[in-house]
Amino acid sequence: MARQKRISSKTKASAKTGKGRIDAFRDEQISNAYITFSLRFLECRHSVFRFNAKEAQYYEKLIERLHELSNWKAQEFLSNRSAALRAHPIDFRDSRVKADTFGIPGWEECDELAYQFAVSRSLGRVHGFLIDTVFYVRWIDPDHRLYPMKNR
């Protein structure tokens, strides 16, 4: 005779609300996980955000920055306001921003998650969006064309 699994009243309540140990565990895993990068939505041939003519040093610095950020947790990344990283949300409604949207068909809601960080002060920015712990790179902007620098 098979043993029947006992379900506690807590488990029954969790099953009704959809919340419980699994969701709490998932949230904990996400908050303790490191950022990874995806190029799934990278637009390499954008007419404004071009990076194909850069020297090798540029790509070295870009990879160094991605490597550095891969050792950060998502919450650290989102809360960091260091002058060196220059990470912040992108507001496509801001008149200073030179694009209206990421333009990803079927993924329009990602515009609300838009974020950028610096490769370095003089080497431009990386634009994309963070879902859980994955930063999806949309544009590599070595010439600061999305959010032009004030002193330029």
Protein backbone atom coordinates (compact mmCIF):
# COMPACT_ATOMS: atom_id res chain seq x y z
CA MET A 1 0.00 0.00 0.00
CA ALA A 2 1.44 3.37 -1.04
CA ARG A 3 1.97 5.95 1.65
CA GLN A 4 -0.02 9.11 1.23
CA LYS A 5 1.94 12.35 1.49
CA ARG A 6 0.68 14.62 4.25
CA ILE A 7 -0.04 18.17 3.17
CA SER A 8 0.16 20.75 5.91
CA SER A 9 -2.25 23.65 6.16
CA LYS A 10 0.67 25.93 5.18
CA THR A 11 1.19 23.96 1.99
CA LYS A 12 -2.54 24.08 1.22
CA ALA A 13 -2.56 27.86 1.70
CA SER A 14 0.54 28.22 -0.45
CA ALA A 15 -1.05 26.14 -3.20
CA LYS A 16 -4.07 28.46 -3.22
CA THR A 17 -2.04 31.67 -3.43
CA GLY A 18 0.67 30.34 -5.71
CA LYS A 19 3.29 31.49 -3.22
CA GLY A 20 5.40 29.32 -1.06
CA ARG A 21 8.75 27.76 -0.57
CA ILE A 22 9.46 27.35 -4.27
CA ASP A 23 8.85 31.03 -5.03
CA ALA A 24 10.85 32.11 -1.99
CA PHE A 25 13.67 29.77 -3.03
CA ARG A 26 13.60 31.14 -6.60
CA ASP A 27 13.68 34.73 -5.33
CA GLU A 28 16.62 33.86 -3.08
CA GLN A 29 18.46 32.16 -5.94
CA ILE A 30 17.96 35.19 -8.16
CA SER A 31 19.08 37.65 -5.51
CA ASN A 32 22.22 35.58 -4.86
CA ALA A 33 23.02 34.87 -8.50
CA TYR A 34 25.55 36.73 -10.57
CA ILE A 35 24.73 38.69 -13.69
CA THR A 36 25.15 36.95 -17.00
CA PHE A 37 25.08 38.60 -20.40
CA SER A 38 23.10 37.61 -23.46
CA LEU A 39 23.60 38.84 -27.01
CA ARG A 40 20.23 37.44 -28.13
CA PHE A 41 18.89 40.93 -28.90
CA LEU A 42 22.15 42.63 -29.92
CA GLU A 43 21.61 44.81 -32.96
CA CYS A 44 25.01 44.78 -34.65
CA ARG A 45 24.12 46.76 -37.75
CA HIS A 46 22.15 49.64 -36.25
CA SER A 47 22.61 52.80 -38.30
CA VAL A 48 23.49 54.93 -35.24
CA PHE A 49 25.07 52.53 -32.73
CA ARG A 50 27.99 51.19 -34.74
CA PHE A 51 31.00 49.57 -33.15
CA ASN A 52 32.58 47.65 -36.03
CA ALA A 53 35.34 50.15 -36.80
CA LYS A 54 36.87 50.29 -33.33
CA GLU A 55 40.44 49.34 -32.52
CA ALA A 56 41.34 46.20 -30.59
CA GLN A 57 41.76 48.18 -27.35
CA TYR A 58 38.05 49.05 -27.41
CA TYR A 59 37.00 45.40 -27.54
CA GLU A 60 39.49 44.52 -24.81
CA LYS A 61 37.98 47.17 -22.50
CA LEU A 62 34.45 46.05 -23.38
CA ILE A 63 35.22 42.42 -22.50
CA GLU A 64 36.99 43.53 -19.29
CA ARG A 65 33.87 45.46 -18.23
CA LEU A 66 31.57 42.52 -18.99
CA HIS A 67 33.91 40.22 -17.06
CA GLU A 68 33.97 42.61 -14.09
CA LEU A 69 30.17 42.89 -14.01
CA SER A 70 29.82 39.10 -14.27
CA ASN A 71 31.13 39.02 -10.69
CA TRP A 72 28.31 41.27 -9.48
CA LYS A 73 24.89 40.26 -8.25
CA ALA A 74 21.93 41.82 -10.05
CA GLN A 75 20.91 43.88 -7.02
CA GLU A 76 24.45 45.26 -6.66
CA PHE A 77 24.39 46.27 -10.32
CA LEU A 78 20.99 47.99 -10.09
CA SER A 79 21.83 49.87 -6.91
CA ASN A 80 25.36 50.97 -7.87
CA ARG A 81 25.71 54.65 -8.70
CA SER A 82 29.48 54.88 -9.01
CA ALA A 83 30.88 57.50 -11.34
CA ALA A 84 33.02 54.86 -13.06
CA LEU A 85 30.11 52.56 -13.92
CA ARG A 86 27.58 55.27 -14.80
CA ALA A 87 24.78 52.71 -14.66
CA HIS A 88 21.21 53.98 -14.73
CA PRO A 89 17.80 53.39 -16.29
CA ILE A 90 17.12 54.73 -19.77
CA ASP A 91 13.95 56.77 -20.17
CA PHE A 92 13.01 56.74 -23.83
CA ARG A 93 10.56 59.62 -23.13
CA ASP A 94 13.46 61.89 -22.13
CA SER A 95 14.08 64.47 -24.87
CA ARG A 96 17.87 63.97 -24.52
CA VAL A 97 17.59 60.30 -25.51
CA LYS A 98 18.18 59.82 -29.22
CA ALA A 99 15.88 56.79 -29.67
CA ASP A 100 12.22 56.16 -28.87
CA THR A 101 12.42 52.44 -28.23
CA PHE A 102 14.67 49.39 -28.46
CA GLY A 103 12.46 48.37 -31.38
CA ILE A 104 12.27 44.65 -30.61
CA PRO A 105 9.03 43.32 -32.14
CA GLY A 106 6.99 41.45 -29.54
CA TRP A 107 9.27 42.61 -26.71
CA GLU A 108 8.05 46.19 -26.34
CA GLU A 109 7.76 45.84 -22.55
CA CYS A 110 11.56 45.62 -22.39
CA ASP A 111 11.68 49.35 -23.11
CA GLU A 112 10.46 49.84 -19.54
CA LEU A 113 13.46 47.82 -18.28
CA ALA A 114 16.01 49.76 -20.35
CA TYR A 115 19.36 50.26 -18.62
CA GLN A 116 22.84 51.37 -19.54
CA PHE A 117 26.34 51.14 -18.13
CA ALA A 118 29.69 52.55 -19.15
CA VAL A 119 32.51 50.65 -20.80
CA SER A 120 34.59 53.58 -19.51
CA ARG A 121 34.17 57.34 -19.52
CA SER A 122 35.67 57.75 -22.97
CA LEU A 123 34.68 54.41 -24.50
CA GLY A 124 30.92 54.71 -24.47
CA ARG A 125 28.05 52.69 -23.09
CA VAL A 126 26.27 49.38 -23.34
CA HIS A 127 22.47 49.57 -23.53
CA GLY A 128 20.06 46.75 -22.80
CA PHE A 129 17.69 45.40 -20.20
CA LEU A 130 17.90 43.14 -17.17
CA ILE A 131 15.45 40.27 -16.65
CA ASP A 132 16.13 38.39 -13.42
CA THR A 133 19.92 38.05 -13.61
CA VAL A 134 20.41 38.20 -17.37
CA PHE A 135 21.42 41.50 -18.96
CA TYR A 136 20.32 41.41 -22.60
CA VAL A 137 22.62 43.66 -24.62
CA ARG A 138 20.74 45.60 -27.29
CA TRP A 139 23.23 48.23 -28.41
CA ILE A 140 26.92 48.86 -27.96
CA ASP A 141 27.34 52.62 -28.15
CA PRO A 142 31.03 53.62 -28.19
CA ASP A 143 30.26 57.19 -29.26
CA HIS A 144 27.66 58.09 -26.58
CA ARG A 145 24.95 58.57 -29.17
CA LEU A 146 21.93 57.42 -27.16
CA TYR A 147 22.57 59.71 -24.19
CA PRO A 148 25.11 62.24 -25.46
CA MET A 149 27.50 63.48 -22.80
CA LYS A 150 26.78 67.01 -21.57
CA ASN A 151 30.31 68.24 -22.32
CA ARG A 152 30.30 67.18 -25.95
